[in-house]
Amino acid sequence: MGFARTCSVALVGVEGVVVEVQADLEPGVAAFTLVGLPDKSLTESRDRVRAAVVNSGGEWPQRKLTVGLSPASVPKAGSGFDMAVACAVLGAAERIDPQVLADIVMIGELALDGGVRPVRGILPAVLAAAEAGYEQVVVPECAAAEASLVPGVSVLGVRSLRQLVALLTDEPVPDEEPGGPRHPDPLRGGLRVPGAGAAAGMHGSGAARHEQGLDLADVVGQTSARTAVEVAAAGGHHLFLEGPPGAGKTMLAERLPAVLPPLGAQESLEVTAVHSVAGLLPPDKPLVDAAPYCAPHHSATMQALVGGGPGVARPGAVSLAHRGILFLDEAPEFGARALDALRQPLESGHVVIARSAGVVRFPARFLMVLAANPCPCGRFSRLDTVCECPPAAVRRYQARLSGPLLDRVDLRVEVDPVGRAELARSSPGGDPTATVAERVRAARDRAAARFAETPWRTNADVPGRELRGRWPAARGAMDEAERSLERGLLTVRGLDRVLRVAWTVADLSGHDRPGAEDVALALQLRTGVPRGTPLALGAPA
């Protein structure tokens, strides 16, 4: 009788559970039984592991073999248990010392020739192992950089089962040939899901988009919209841009990621973990350090937006845009159920997906940008009469964005058509991205200093009760907003959001606390009703 055990990690959303992989050999008819709630791909590991061991020069034990995955109550999915199962079997067969395997976590898929292939979710799996107290992790060589992002863990990257067995038994390590220079390394194929980035609307992020030439100076006119973009970036506020086709709504949204500051260390790990689970991490850039930008097509389903799908729940667009931008262009064309499903993550900052096998939780704290035409033909406005849509059609089109959803949007701006005079100007109409990004960084630094002893970092994160009690506006500054509440023009949530935006305007202007002018501008940006407030922003020199 032989027994050995090692460890691997089962992913539940972006959280990991350390699983003990136990192998037991007993006399009897040769058989291989795998127990512990495995899914189809994990059940198939019996054939993969057997072939990998034999093709690596090992001898497969011809006895009754039982492999158990504990805790048995946790569903386990994927091929990332292959390497742990193979080593546990070899340990039970006394090819490897079982004591060596007991404190090692192994994550990786085995090819039939014994090669070790990467799997999705390496980073959250290693994070779970570190939190459980494990100090040594074995991963595929091409995923070692991603695993090394976790401090306090010794990462061993291997290319094949032969290499791993040699390292564990103190034998000479065989050399493995990497992929040829003219062909992609086949071991890197498991890091990305074909088409996943396109389906989710993922694009280059932050600084990369700025390097591609997307600059705010390219936007002609649109003073109010540019101000709203700057305020949204500085405070993390949601933004609604409404205007005719060709006015620059999409241009503004595409340039917003470059205005955001780089992600912090903890934020980078959160974003990288989500993208790792989704299979969107490029092999040559294991850490996401810039704000992601996700722009799904308006035909996206509710599952594509919030996550889910058949089988194992996958992160949706709201989670892929975590700590970044979720841009919904042509927002009224999205399904009503899909849009209303955004209400809960907009408030809580996470998504909870219930399945019969359990509940999955994904992070979803993003900055949402909605863009919409004012009517089906796109030409309806207070100043123009060329719109041919009947009033009932305009009302129906605008009603596709529900009131509860729009109540969660902090900034609402009407984007006006650009005239010939503005196009004829030789100089740009506004500041470039670098200048705006510097003001945004300074405003975020002021907010971070104010919230230094709290769990919040931006004005949009602070609960309304805390904001009213600990950081109120100047005396009398909120009078106009409170009168709007009494008249029914604002909800209580809307009043809190006006105060949040006012703090962001004050941070951008270098004020110690919001004054009457800051609140007036915040109220104008919140309601979309002109109040004669100057729209130019910027901290004093």
Protein backbone atom coordinates (compact mmCIF):
# COMPACT_ATOMS: atom_id res chain seq x y z
CA MET A 1 0.00 0.00 0.00
CA GLY A 2 1.31 3.46 -0.96
CA PHE A 3 0.02 6.91 -0.07
CA ALA A 4 1.16 10.45 -0.96
CA ARG A 5 -0.34 13.88 -1.02
CA THR A 6 0.39 17.30 -2.44
CA CYS A 7 -1.67 20.44 -3.02
CA SER A 8 -3.27 22.45 -5.80
CA VAL A 9 -5.83 25.27 -5.91
CA ALA A 10 -9.49 25.34 -6.98
CA LEU A 11 -10.76 28.73 -8.17
CA VAL A 12 -14.17 30.05 -7.15
CA GLY A 13 -14.47 33.27 -9.11
CA VAL A 14 -11.23 35.13 -8.40
CA GLU A 15 -10.82 33.51 -5.01
CA GLY A 16 -8.88 30.28 -4.51
CA VAL A 17 -9.33 27.31 -2.20
CA VAL A 18 -6.29 25.15 -1.49
CA VAL A 19 -7.10 21.53 -2.39
CA GLU A 20 -5.20 18.55 -1.02
CA VAL A 21 -4.56 15.99 -3.77
CA GLN A 22 -4.25 12.52 -2.23
CA ALA A 23 -3.17 9.37 -4.07
CA ASP A 24 -3.64 5.88 -2.66
CA LEU A 25 -2.32 2.63 -4.19
CA GLU A 26 -3.73 -0.73 -3.10
CA PRO A 27 -3.42 -4.29 -4.38
CA GLY A 28 -6.10 -5.22 -6.86
CA VAL A 29 -7.18 -4.90 -10.45
CA ALA A 30 -5.51 -1.95 -12.17
CA ALA A 31 -7.96 0.98 -12.12
CA PHE A 32 -7.85 4.77 -11.76
CA THR A 33 -10.63 6.44 -9.76
CA LEU A 34 -10.84 10.22 -9.29
CA VAL A 35 -13.17 11.51 -6.54
CA GLY A 36 -13.92 14.91 -5.00
CA LEU A 37 -16.48 16.67 -7.26
CA PRO A 38 -14.34 16.92 -10.43
CA ASP A 39 -15.84 18.38 -13.61
CA LYS A 40 -15.52 16.89 -17.09
CA SER A 41 -12.12 18.43 -17.92
CA LEU A 42 -10.74 17.31 -14.55
CA THR A 43 -12.11 13.79 -14.99
CA GLU A 44 -10.26 13.59 -18.31
CA SER A 45 -7.01 14.22 -16.43
CA ARG A 46 -6.81 10.47 -15.77
CA ASP A 47 -5.83 9.86 -19.38
CA ARG A 48 -3.62 12.96 -19.63
CA VAL A 49 -1.70 12.11 -16.46
CA ARG A 50 -1.19 8.45 -17.42
CA ALA A 51 0.16 9.37 -20.87
CA ALA A 52 2.36 12.17 -19.46
CA VAL A 53 3.94 9.87 -16.86
CA VAL A 54 4.65 7.10 -19.38
CA ASN A 55 6.00 9.48 -22.04
CA SER A 56 8.22 11.13 -19.42
CA GLY A 57 10.02 7.86 -18.82
CA GLY A 58 8.11 6.86 -15.70
CA GLU A 59 6.34 3.61 -14.92
CA TRP A 60 2.59 3.69 -14.38
CA PRO A 61 1.60 1.61 -11.31
CA GLN A 62 -0.47 -1.44 -12.24
CA ARG A 63 -2.57 -1.45 -9.09
CA LYS A 64 -5.83 -0.02 -7.85
CA LEU A 65 -5.31 3.76 -7.77
CA THR A 66 -7.63 6.23 -6.04
CA VAL A 67 -7.02 9.98 -6.22
CA GLY A 68 -9.05 12.15 -3.88
CA LEU A 69 -9.47 15.92 -3.97
CA SER A 70 -10.13 17.36 -0.53
CA PRO A 71 -12.25 19.17 0.58
CA ALA A 72 -14.68 17.02 -1.38
CA SER A 73 -17.53 19.50 -0.96
CA VAL A 74 -15.85 22.18 -3.13
CA PRO A 75 -16.52 21.83 -6.89
CA LYS A 76 -13.31 21.57 -8.89
CA ALA A 77 -12.93 22.49 -12.53
CA GLY A 78 -10.21 22.80 -15.12
CA SER A 79 -6.99 21.06 -15.99
CA GLY A 80 -4.78 22.87 -13.47
CA PHE A 81 -4.73 19.83 -11.16
CA ASP A 82 -2.84 17.61 -13.64
CA MET A 83 0.64 18.27 -12.30
CA ALA A 84 -0.42 17.72 -8.68
CA VAL A 85 -2.23 14.46 -9.56
CA ALA A 86 0.81 13.13 -11.44
CA CYS A 87 3.22 13.91 -8.61
CA ALA A 88 0.88 12.45 -5.99
CA VAL A 89 0.66 9.21 -8.02
CA LEU A 90 4.45 9.07 -8.40
CA GLY A 91 4.79 9.73 -4.68
CA ALA A 92 2.44 6.86 -3.84
CA ALA A 93 4.49 4.65 -6.18
CA GLU A 94 7.63 5.77 -4.28
CA ARG A 95 9.17 7.37 -7.36
CA ILE A 96 9.22 10.65 -5.38
CA ASP A 97 9.61 10.98 -1.63
CA PRO A 98 6.09 11.73 -0.28
CA GLN A 99 7.54 14.02 2.41
CA VAL A 100 8.91 16.34 -0.28
CA LEU A 101 5.48 16.75 -1.87
CA ALA A 102 3.47 17.51 1.25
CA ASP A 103 4.17 21.27 1.46
CA ILE A 104 4.25 22.15 -2.24
CA VAL A 105 1.39 23.66 -4.26
CA MET A 106 1.36 22.62 -7.94
CA ILE A 107 -0.64 24.33 -10.67
CA GLY A 108 -0.46 23.34 -14.31
CA GLU A 109 -1.87 21.20 -17.10
CA LEU A 110 0.03 18.24 -18.52
CA ALA A 111 0.35 17.54 -22.23
CA LEU A 112 0.44 13.93 -23.41
CA ASP A 113 4.19 14.17 -24.01
CA GLY A 114 4.80 15.34 -20.43
CA GLY A 115 5.01 19.07 -21.17
CA VAL A 116 3.56 21.49 -18.62
CA ARG A 117 1.04 23.94 -20.03
CA PRO A 118 -0.24 27.13 -18.38
CA VAL A 119 -3.81 27.55 -17.17
CA ARG A 120 -5.98 30.55 -16.40
CA GLY A 121 -5.98 32.01 -12.90
CA ILE A 122 -2.33 31.49 -11.90
CA LEU A 123 -2.15 34.74 -9.91
CA PRO A 124 -5.30 34.25 -7.77
CA ALA A 125 -4.29 30.62 -7.22
CA VAL A 126 -0.85 31.60 -5.90
CA LEU A 127 -2.44 34.34 -3.77
CA ALA A 128 -4.69 31.71 -2.19
CA ALA A 129 -1.70 29.45 -1.55
CA ALA A 130 0.21 32.30 0.11
CA GLU A 131 -2.76 33.19 2.31
CA ALA A 132 -2.99 29.52 3.37
CA GLY A 133 0.64 29.61 4.52
CA TYR A 134 2.35 27.73 1.68
CA GLU A 135 5.77 29.02 0.70
CA GLN A 136 6.64 26.98 -2.41
CA VAL A 137 4.64 26.86 -5.63
CA VAL A 138 5.35 25.00 -8.87
CA VAL A 139 3.88 26.51 -12.05
CA PRO A 140 4.57 26.32 -15.80
CA GLU A 141 7.74 28.16 -16.74
CA CYS A 142 5.94 30.66 -18.98
CA ALA A 143 3.61 31.62 -16.09
CA ALA A 144 6.39 32.01 -13.50
CA ALA A 145 6.52 35.79 -13.96
CA GLU A 146 2.82 36.07 -13.13
CA ALA A 147 3.19 33.81 -10.08
CA SER A 148 6.21 35.79 -8.87
CA LEU A 149 4.01 38.87 -8.37
CA VAL A 150 2.93 37.40 -5.03
CA PRO A 151 5.44 38.30 -2.28
CA GLY A 152 6.67 35.74 0.19
CA VAL A 153 6.32 32.72 -2.12
CA SER A 154 9.12 30.76 -3.76
CA VAL A 155 8.09 30.07 -7.37
CA LEU A 156 9.54 27.19 -9.38
CA GLY A 157 8.82 27.27 -13.12
CA VAL A 158 9.12 24.01 -15.09
CA ARG A 159 8.65 23.13 -18.72
CA SER A 160 7.95 19.41 -18.33
CA LEU A 161 7.11 16.69 -15.85
CA ARG A 162 10.59 15.24 -16.40
CA GLN A 163 12.16 18.44 -15.12
CA LEU A 164 9.90 18.53 -12.06
CA VAL A 165 10.59 14.89 -11.11
CA ALA A 166 14.33 15.45 -11.48
CA LEU A 167 14.21 18.53 -9.26
CA LEU A 168 12.19 16.75 -6.58
CA THR A 169 14.49 13.71 -6.56
CA ASP A 170 17.80 15.61 -6.77
CA GLU A 171 18.61 14.06 -10.15
CA PRO A 172 20.24 15.84 -13.11
CA VAL A 173 17.68 18.20 -14.68
CA PRO A 174 17.14 17.46 -18.40
CA ASP A 175 17.26 20.33 -20.86
CA GLU A 176 14.00 21.10 -22.62
CA GLU A 177 13.98 22.74 -26.02
CA PRO A 178 11.94 25.97 -26.12
CA GLY A 179 9.73 26.81 -29.07
CA GLY A 180 11.49 27.67 -32.32
CA PRO A 181 12.07 31.32 -33.22
CA ARG A 182 9.66 31.18 -36.15
CA HIS A 183 6.83 29.52 -34.26
CA PRO A 184 4.98 30.64 -31.15
CA ASP A 185 5.75 28.72 -27.99
CA PRO A 186 2.92 26.16 -27.69
CA LEU A 187 3.16 26.29 -23.91
CA ARG A 188 1.95 29.90 -23.97
CA GLY A 189 -1.29 29.04 -25.72
CA GLY A 190 -3.17 28.34 -22.50
CA LEU A 191 -2.74 31.88 -21.18
CA ARG A 192 -5.30 33.40 -23.55
CA VAL A 193 -8.78 32.39 -24.58
CA PRO A 194 -9.21 32.88 -28.35
CA GLY A 195 -11.63 35.72 -29.01
CA ALA A 196 -12.14 36.53 -25.34
CA GLY A 197 -10.76 40.04 -25.60
CA ALA A 198 -12.82 40.90 -28.67
CA ALA A 199 -15.99 39.48 -27.13
CA ALA A 200 -15.55 41.53 -23.99
CA GLY A 201 -14.63 44.70 -25.86
CA MET A 202 -11.18 44.82 -24.27
CA HIS A 203 -8.72 47.27 -25.80
CA GLY A 204 -5.33 48.72 -24.99
CA SER A 205 -5.35 50.49 -21.67
CA GLY A 206 -4.33 53.82 -20.21
CA ALA A 207 -0.85 54.83 -21.22
CA ALA A 208 -0.85 52.48 -24.21
CA ARG A 209 -3.81 54.30 -25.73
CA HIS A 210 -2.10 57.66 -25.12
CA GLU A 211 1.00 56.36 -26.89
CA GLN A 212 -1.20 55.42 -29.85
CA GLY A 213 -1.95 59.11 -30.38
CA LEU A 214 -5.30 59.41 -28.58
CA ASP A 215 -5.02 62.87 -27.05
CA LEU A 216 -7.68 65.15 -25.58
CA ALA A 217 -6.28 67.98 -27.70
CA ASP A 218 -7.81 66.20 -30.72
CA VAL A 219 -11.32 66.97 -29.45
CA VAL A 220 -12.62 70.21 -30.95
CA GLY A 221 -14.74 72.42 -28.70
CA GLN A 222 -16.89 70.59 -26.12
CA THR A 223 -15.82 72.65 -23.11
CA SER A 224 -18.52 71.23 -20.84
CA ALA A 225 -17.86 67.63 -21.93
CA ARG A 226 -14.10 68.00 -21.45
CA THR A 227 -14.74 69.41 -17.96
CA ALA A 228 -17.00 66.46 -17.17
CA VAL A 229 -14.34 64.01 -18.35
CA GLU A 230 -11.75 65.66 -16.11
CA VAL A 231 -14.09 65.62 -13.10
CA ALA A 232 -15.01 61.98 -13.78
CA ALA A 233 -11.35 60.96 -13.89
CA ALA A 234 -10.42 62.93 -10.76
CA GLY A 235 -13.23 61.60 -8.57
CA GLY A 236 -14.15 58.28 -10.16
CA HIS A 237 -17.63 59.53 -11.11
CA HIS A 238 -19.90 57.88 -13.67
CA LEU A 239 -20.56 59.94 -16.81
CA PHE A 240 -23.41 60.20 -19.32
CA LEU A 241 -22.68 61.91 -22.66
CA GLU A 242 -25.72 62.71 -24.82
CA GLY A 243 -25.50 64.33 -28.22
CA PRO A 244 -25.86 63.93 -31.98
CA PRO A 245 -23.71 61.54 -34.01
CA GLY A 246 -20.22 62.83 -34.80
CA ALA A 247 -20.08 65.32 -31.94
CA GLY A 248 -17.15 63.57 -30.23
CA LYS A 249 -18.72 61.35 -27.54
CA THR A 250 -16.69 58.28 -28.44
CA MET A 251 -13.51 60.34 -28.85
CA LEU A 252 -13.87 61.67 -25.33
CA ALA A 253 -14.51 58.23 -23.85
CA GLU A 254 -11.54 56.67 -25.65
CA ARG A 255 -9.23 59.33 -24.26
CA LEU A 256 -10.44 59.02 -20.68
CA PRO A 257 -8.21 56.02 -19.70
CA ALA A 258 -5.05 57.97 -20.46
CA VAL A 259 -6.16 60.69 -18.02
CA LEU A 260 -6.49 58.23 -15.14
CA PRO A 261 -3.42 57.77 -12.90
CA PRO A 262 -1.54 54.44 -12.94
CA LEU A 263 -2.90 51.67 -10.76
CA GLY A 264 -1.46 51.16 -7.30
CA ALA A 265 0.19 47.91 -6.25
CA GLN A 266 -2.94 46.41 -4.68
CA GLU A 267 -5.15 47.62 -7.53
CA SER A 268 -2.79 46.09 -10.09
CA LEU A 269 -3.01 42.71 -8.35
CA GLU A 270 -6.82 42.90 -8.26
CA VAL A 271 -7.06 43.73 -11.97
CA THR A 272 -4.43 41.17 -12.96
CA ALA A 273 -6.25 38.46 -11.01
CA VAL A 274 -9.50 39.11 -12.89
CA HIS A 275 -7.78 39.18 -16.27
CA SER A 276 -5.87 36.02 -15.40
CA VAL A 277 -9.10 34.15 -14.62
CA ALA A 278 -10.59 35.45 -17.87
CA GLY A 279 -7.56 34.35 -19.90
CA LEU A 280 -6.74 37.86 -21.12
CA LEU A 281 -3.22 38.32 -19.77
CA PRO A 282 -0.57 38.62 -22.50
CA PRO A 283 2.38 36.31 -21.79
CA ASP A 284 4.92 39.14 -22.05
CA LYS A 285 3.09 41.45 -19.60
CA PRO A 286 1.97 39.56 -16.51
CA LEU A 287 1.04 42.65 -14.47
CA VAL A 288 -1.72 45.08 -15.51
CA ASP A 289 -0.53 48.47 -14.24
CA ALA A 290 -2.79 50.81 -16.23
CA ALA A 291 -6.55 51.30 -16.03
CA PRO A 292 -8.34 48.77 -18.28
CA TYR A 293 -10.79 49.96 -20.92
CA CYS A 294 -13.74 47.75 -21.82
CA ALA A 295 -16.25 48.72 -24.54
CA PRO A 296 -18.70 45.87 -25.23
CA HIS A 297 -20.96 45.98 -28.29
CA HIS A 298 -24.56 46.95 -27.71
CA SER A 299 -25.68 43.43 -28.64
CA ALA A 300 -23.94 42.04 -25.51
CA THR A 301 -26.12 39.88 -23.28
CA MET A 302 -26.63 40.29 -19.56
CA GLN A 303 -24.18 37.42 -18.94
CA ALA A 304 -21.57 39.14 -21.11
CA LEU A 305 -21.93 42.34 -19.10
CA VAL A 306 -22.15 41.11 -15.50
CA GLY A 307 -20.63 37.64 -15.86
CA GLY A 308 -21.89 34.09 -15.71
CA GLY A 309 -22.44 31.79 -18.67
CA PRO A 310 -22.84 28.02 -18.78
CA GLY A 311 -20.72 25.86 -16.52
CA VAL A 312 -18.13 27.75 -14.50
CA ALA A 313 -19.12 31.41 -14.13
CA ARG A 314 -16.72 33.73 -15.96
CA PRO A 315 -16.13 37.44 -15.30
CA GLY A 316 -18.14 39.80 -17.46
CA ALA A 317 -17.39 43.24 -18.83
CA VAL A 318 -18.04 44.97 -15.49
CA SER A 319 -15.34 42.84 -13.84
CA LEU A 320 -12.91 43.16 -16.74
CA ALA A 321 -13.30 46.93 -16.35
CA HIS A 322 -12.53 46.74 -12.61
CA ARG A 323 -10.50 49.83 -11.59
CA GLY A 324 -10.88 51.12 -15.14
CA ILE A 325 -13.43 52.30 -17.71
CA LEU A 326 -16.63 50.57 -18.86
CA PHE A 327 -17.81 52.41 -21.99
CA LEU A 328 -21.32 51.65 -23.23
CA ASP A 329 -21.62 53.32 -26.62
CA GLU A 330 -25.15 53.61 -28.04
CA ALA A 331 -26.41 52.83 -24.53
CA PRO A 332 -30.16 52.83 -25.41
CA GLU A 333 -29.51 50.00 -27.88
CA PHE A 334 -28.45 47.65 -25.06
CA GLY A 335 -31.09 45.31 -23.70
CA ALA A 336 -33.13 46.71 -20.82
CA ARG A 337 -32.40 43.70 -18.58
CA ALA A 338 -28.68 43.97 -19.31
CA LEU A 339 -28.59 47.67 -18.40
CA ASP A 340 -30.64 47.28 -15.23
CA ALA A 341 -28.34 44.46 -14.13
CA LEU A 342 -25.65 47.15 -13.73
CA ARG A 343 -27.46 48.81 -10.83
CA GLN A 344 -26.14 46.52 -8.11
CA PRO A 345 -22.44 46.57 -9.13
CA LEU A 346 -22.59 50.36 -9.54
CA GLU A 347 -23.52 50.64 -5.85
CA SER A 348 -21.63 47.75 -4.25
CA GLY A 349 -18.50 47.49 -6.39
CA HIS A 350 -18.83 43.74 -6.91
CA VAL A 351 -21.00 41.17 -8.69
CA VAL A 352 -22.50 38.10 -7.03
CA ILE A 353 -23.50 35.28 -9.41
CA ALA A 354 -25.58 32.46 -7.93
CA ARG A 355 -25.35 28.97 -9.39
CA SER A 356 -26.67 25.61 -8.19
CA ALA A 357 -23.10 24.57 -7.36
CA GLY A 358 -22.39 27.72 -5.34
CA VAL A 359 -22.04 31.48 -5.36
CA VAL A 360 -19.28 33.33 -7.22
CA ARG A 361 -18.19 36.88 -6.40
CA PHE A 362 -16.26 39.06 -8.86
CA PRO A 363 -14.93 42.59 -8.19
CA ALA A 364 -16.59 45.30 -10.27
CA ARG A 365 -15.57 48.79 -9.16
CA PHE A 366 -15.41 50.68 -12.43
CA LEU A 367 -16.03 54.10 -13.93
CA MET A 368 -19.01 53.84 -16.27
CA VAL A 369 -19.34 56.08 -19.32
CA LEU A 370 -22.65 56.05 -21.20
CA ALA A 371 -22.99 57.59 -24.66
CA ALA A 372 -26.32 58.05 -26.40
CA ASN A 373 -28.03 59.91 -29.18
CA PRO A 374 -30.97 62.09 -28.11
CA CYS A 375 -33.43 60.33 -30.43
CA PRO A 376 -33.56 57.56 -33.06
CA CYS A 377 -32.37 59.90 -35.83
CA GLY A 378 -29.83 61.54 -33.53
CA ARG A 379 -30.66 65.16 -34.40
CA PHE A 380 -33.04 66.15 -31.61
CA SER A 381 -31.92 69.09 -29.46
CA ARG A 382 -33.28 72.20 -27.80
CA LEU A 383 -31.64 74.41 -30.46
CA ASP A 384 -32.24 72.44 -33.66
CA THR A 385 -35.47 71.68 -35.50
CA VAL A 386 -34.19 69.23 -38.13
CA CYS A 387 -35.24 66.17 -36.08
CA GLU A 388 -37.92 64.19 -37.87
CA CYS A 389 -38.80 61.85 -34.99
CA PRO A 390 -42.31 62.12 -33.49
CA PRO A 391 -42.33 63.28 -29.86
CA ALA A 392 -43.58 59.87 -28.74
CA ALA A 393 -40.62 58.17 -30.47
CA VAL A 394 -38.19 60.55 -28.73
CA ARG A 395 -39.75 59.80 -25.34
CA ARG A 396 -39.67 56.04 -25.93
CA TYR A 397 -36.03 56.17 -27.04
CA GLN A 398 -34.91 58.21 -24.04
CA ALA A 399 -36.91 55.99 -21.68
CA ARG A 400 -34.75 52.99 -22.62
CA LEU A 401 -32.31 54.24 -19.98
CA SER A 402 -34.26 53.70 -16.76
CA GLY A 403 -34.51 56.32 -14.05
CA PRO A 404 -32.85 54.18 -11.34
CA LEU A 405 -29.86 53.60 -13.63
CA LEU A 406 -29.45 57.29 -14.50
CA ASP A 407 -29.85 58.21 -10.82
CA ARG A 408 -26.58 56.35 -10.23
CA VAL A 409 -24.77 58.50 -12.82
CA ASP A 410 -23.01 61.51 -11.31
CA LEU A 411 -22.38 63.62 -14.42
CA ARG A 412 -24.76 64.25 -17.31
CA VAL A 413 -23.55 66.40 -20.17
CA GLU A 414 -25.10 67.36 -23.47
CA VAL A 415 -22.51 67.24 -26.25
CA ASP A 416 -23.29 69.91 -28.84
CA PRO A 417 -22.54 69.66 -32.57
CA VAL A 418 -19.24 71.19 -33.62
CA GLY A 419 -19.52 74.27 -35.82
CA ARG A 420 -17.40 75.40 -38.75
CA ALA A 421 -15.79 78.19 -36.75
CA GLU A 422 -14.48 75.76 -34.14
CA LEU A 423 -13.10 73.46 -36.81
CA ALA A 424 -11.33 76.36 -38.53
CA ARG A 425 -9.28 77.27 -35.46
CA SER A 426 -5.57 76.67 -35.94
CA SER A 427 -4.83 76.01 -32.25
CA PRO A 428 -6.39 73.20 -30.18
CA GLY A 429 -9.41 74.18 -28.17
CA GLY A 430 -8.34 72.57 -24.91
CA ASP A 431 -5.50 71.20 -22.84
CA PRO A 432 -3.69 68.05 -23.98
CA THR A 433 -3.97 64.76 -22.13
CA ALA A 434 -0.68 65.23 -20.25
CA THR A 435 -1.84 68.53 -18.72
CA VAL A 436 -5.24 67.19 -17.72
CA ALA A 437 -3.69 64.01 -16.31
CA GLU A 438 -1.39 66.08 -14.11
CA ARG A 439 -4.36 68.02 -12.68
CA VAL A 440 -6.23 64.76 -12.12
CA ARG A 441 -3.24 63.26 -10.32
CA ALA A 442 -2.96 66.31 -8.06
CA ALA A 443 -6.69 66.18 -7.26
CA ARG A 444 -6.48 62.47 -6.43
CA ASP A 445 -3.50 63.13 -4.18
CA ARG A 446 -5.55 65.69 -2.24
CA ALA A 447 -8.41 63.23 -1.88
CA ALA A 448 -6.06 60.42 -0.83
CA ALA A 449 -4.53 62.65 1.86
CA ARG A 450 -8.00 63.51 3.14
CA PHE A 451 -9.02 59.83 3.29
CA ALA A 452 -5.64 58.59 4.57
CA GLU A 453 -7.10 56.91 7.69
CA THR A 454 -10.13 55.44 5.88
CA PRO A 455 -10.69 52.57 3.42
CA TRP A 456 -11.62 55.04 0.64
CA ARG A 457 -9.36 56.67 -1.92
CA THR A 458 -11.65 58.67 -4.25
CA ASN A 459 -14.64 60.91 -3.61
CA ALA A 460 -16.96 58.52 -5.44
CA ASP A 461 -16.13 55.75 -2.93
CA VAL A 462 -17.22 57.61 0.20
CA PRO A 463 -20.71 56.74 1.54
CA GLY A 464 -23.09 59.68 1.68
CA ARG A 465 -23.58 59.48 5.44
CA GLU A 466 -19.83 59.68 6.05
CA LEU A 467 -19.45 62.51 3.56
CA ARG A 468 -22.22 64.61 5.14
CA GLY A 469 -21.01 63.98 8.67
CA ARG A 470 -17.22 64.21 8.36
CA TRP A 471 -16.59 66.27 5.22
CA PRO A 472 -19.50 68.69 4.71
CA ALA A 473 -19.42 71.59 2.28
CA ALA A 474 -18.99 75.19 3.41
CA ARG A 475 -21.88 76.76 5.30
CA GLY A 476 -24.73 77.57 2.93
CA ALA A 477 -23.02 76.05 -0.11
CA MET A 478 -25.56 73.21 -0.41
CA ASP A 479 -28.67 75.43 -0.12
CA GLU A 480 -29.49 75.34 -3.85
CA ALA A 481 -29.02 71.58 -4.00
CA GLU A 482 -31.23 71.08 -0.95
CA ARG A 483 -33.96 73.22 -2.54
CA SER A 484 -33.75 70.98 -5.61
CA LEU A 485 -34.28 68.01 -3.28
CA GLU A 486 -37.36 69.62 -1.78
CA ARG A 487 -38.79 70.31 -5.26
CA GLY A 488 -38.25 66.67 -6.26
CA LEU A 489 -35.56 67.47 -8.82
CA LEU A 490 -32.99 65.46 -6.85
CA THR A 491 -33.23 62.25 -4.85
CA VAL A 492 -31.36 61.75 -1.59
CA ARG A 493 -28.85 59.63 -3.52
CA GLY A 494 -28.58 62.47 -6.04
CA LEU A 495 -27.90 64.98 -3.27
CA ASP A 496 -25.06 62.84 -1.95
CA ARG A 497 -23.63 62.53 -5.43
CA VAL A 498 -23.74 66.31 -5.87
CA LEU A 499 -21.66 66.65 -2.69
CA ARG A 500 -19.18 64.04 -3.97
CA VAL A 501 -18.80 65.87 -7.28
CA ALA A 502 -18.45 69.18 -5.44
CA TRP A 503 -15.52 67.75 -3.46
CA THR A 504 -13.90 66.65 -6.72
CA VAL A 505 -14.37 70.11 -8.23
CA ALA A 506 -12.85 71.61 -5.09
CA ASP A 507 -9.87 69.23 -5.32
CA LEU A 508 -9.31 70.21 -8.95
CA SER A 509 -9.55 73.90 -8.07
CA GLY A 510 -7.27 73.63 -5.05
CA HIS A 511 -9.97 74.57 -2.50
CA ASP A 512 -9.89 73.25 1.05
CA ARG A 513 -13.62 72.47 0.99
CA PRO A 514 -16.45 72.91 -1.52
CA GLY A 515 -17.87 76.41 -1.75
CA ALA A 516 -21.01 77.72 -3.40
CA GLU A 517 -19.36 77.85 -6.86
CA ASP A 518 -18.08 74.27 -6.55
CA VAL A 519 -21.55 73.02 -5.59
CA ALA A 520 -23.17 75.05 -8.38
CA LEU A 521 -20.89 73.46 -10.98
CA ALA A 522 -21.50 70.01 -9.47
CA LEU A 523 -25.27 70.61 -9.59
CA GLN A 524 -25.03 71.73 -13.22
CA LEU A 525 -23.00 68.64 -14.15
CA ARG A 526 -25.39 66.40 -12.22
CA THR A 527 -28.68 67.70 -13.66
CA GLY A 528 -27.49 68.81 -17.08
CA VAL A 529 -29.38 72.10 -16.62
CA PRO A 530 -27.29 75.23 -17.41
CA ARG A 531 -26.96 77.50 -14.36
CA GLY A 532 -24.51 80.08 -15.70
CA THR A 533 -21.57 78.56 -13.83
CA PRO A 534 -18.13 78.87 -15.49
CA LEU A 535 -17.03 75.46 -16.78
CA ALA A 536 -13.28 76.06 -16.82
CA LEU A 537 -11.36 74.05 -14.24
CA GLY A 538 -7.79 73.87 -13.00
CA ALA A 539 -5.87 74.36 -9.84
CA PRO A 540 -4.33 77.75 -9.41
CA ALA A 541 -0.72 78.10 -10.41
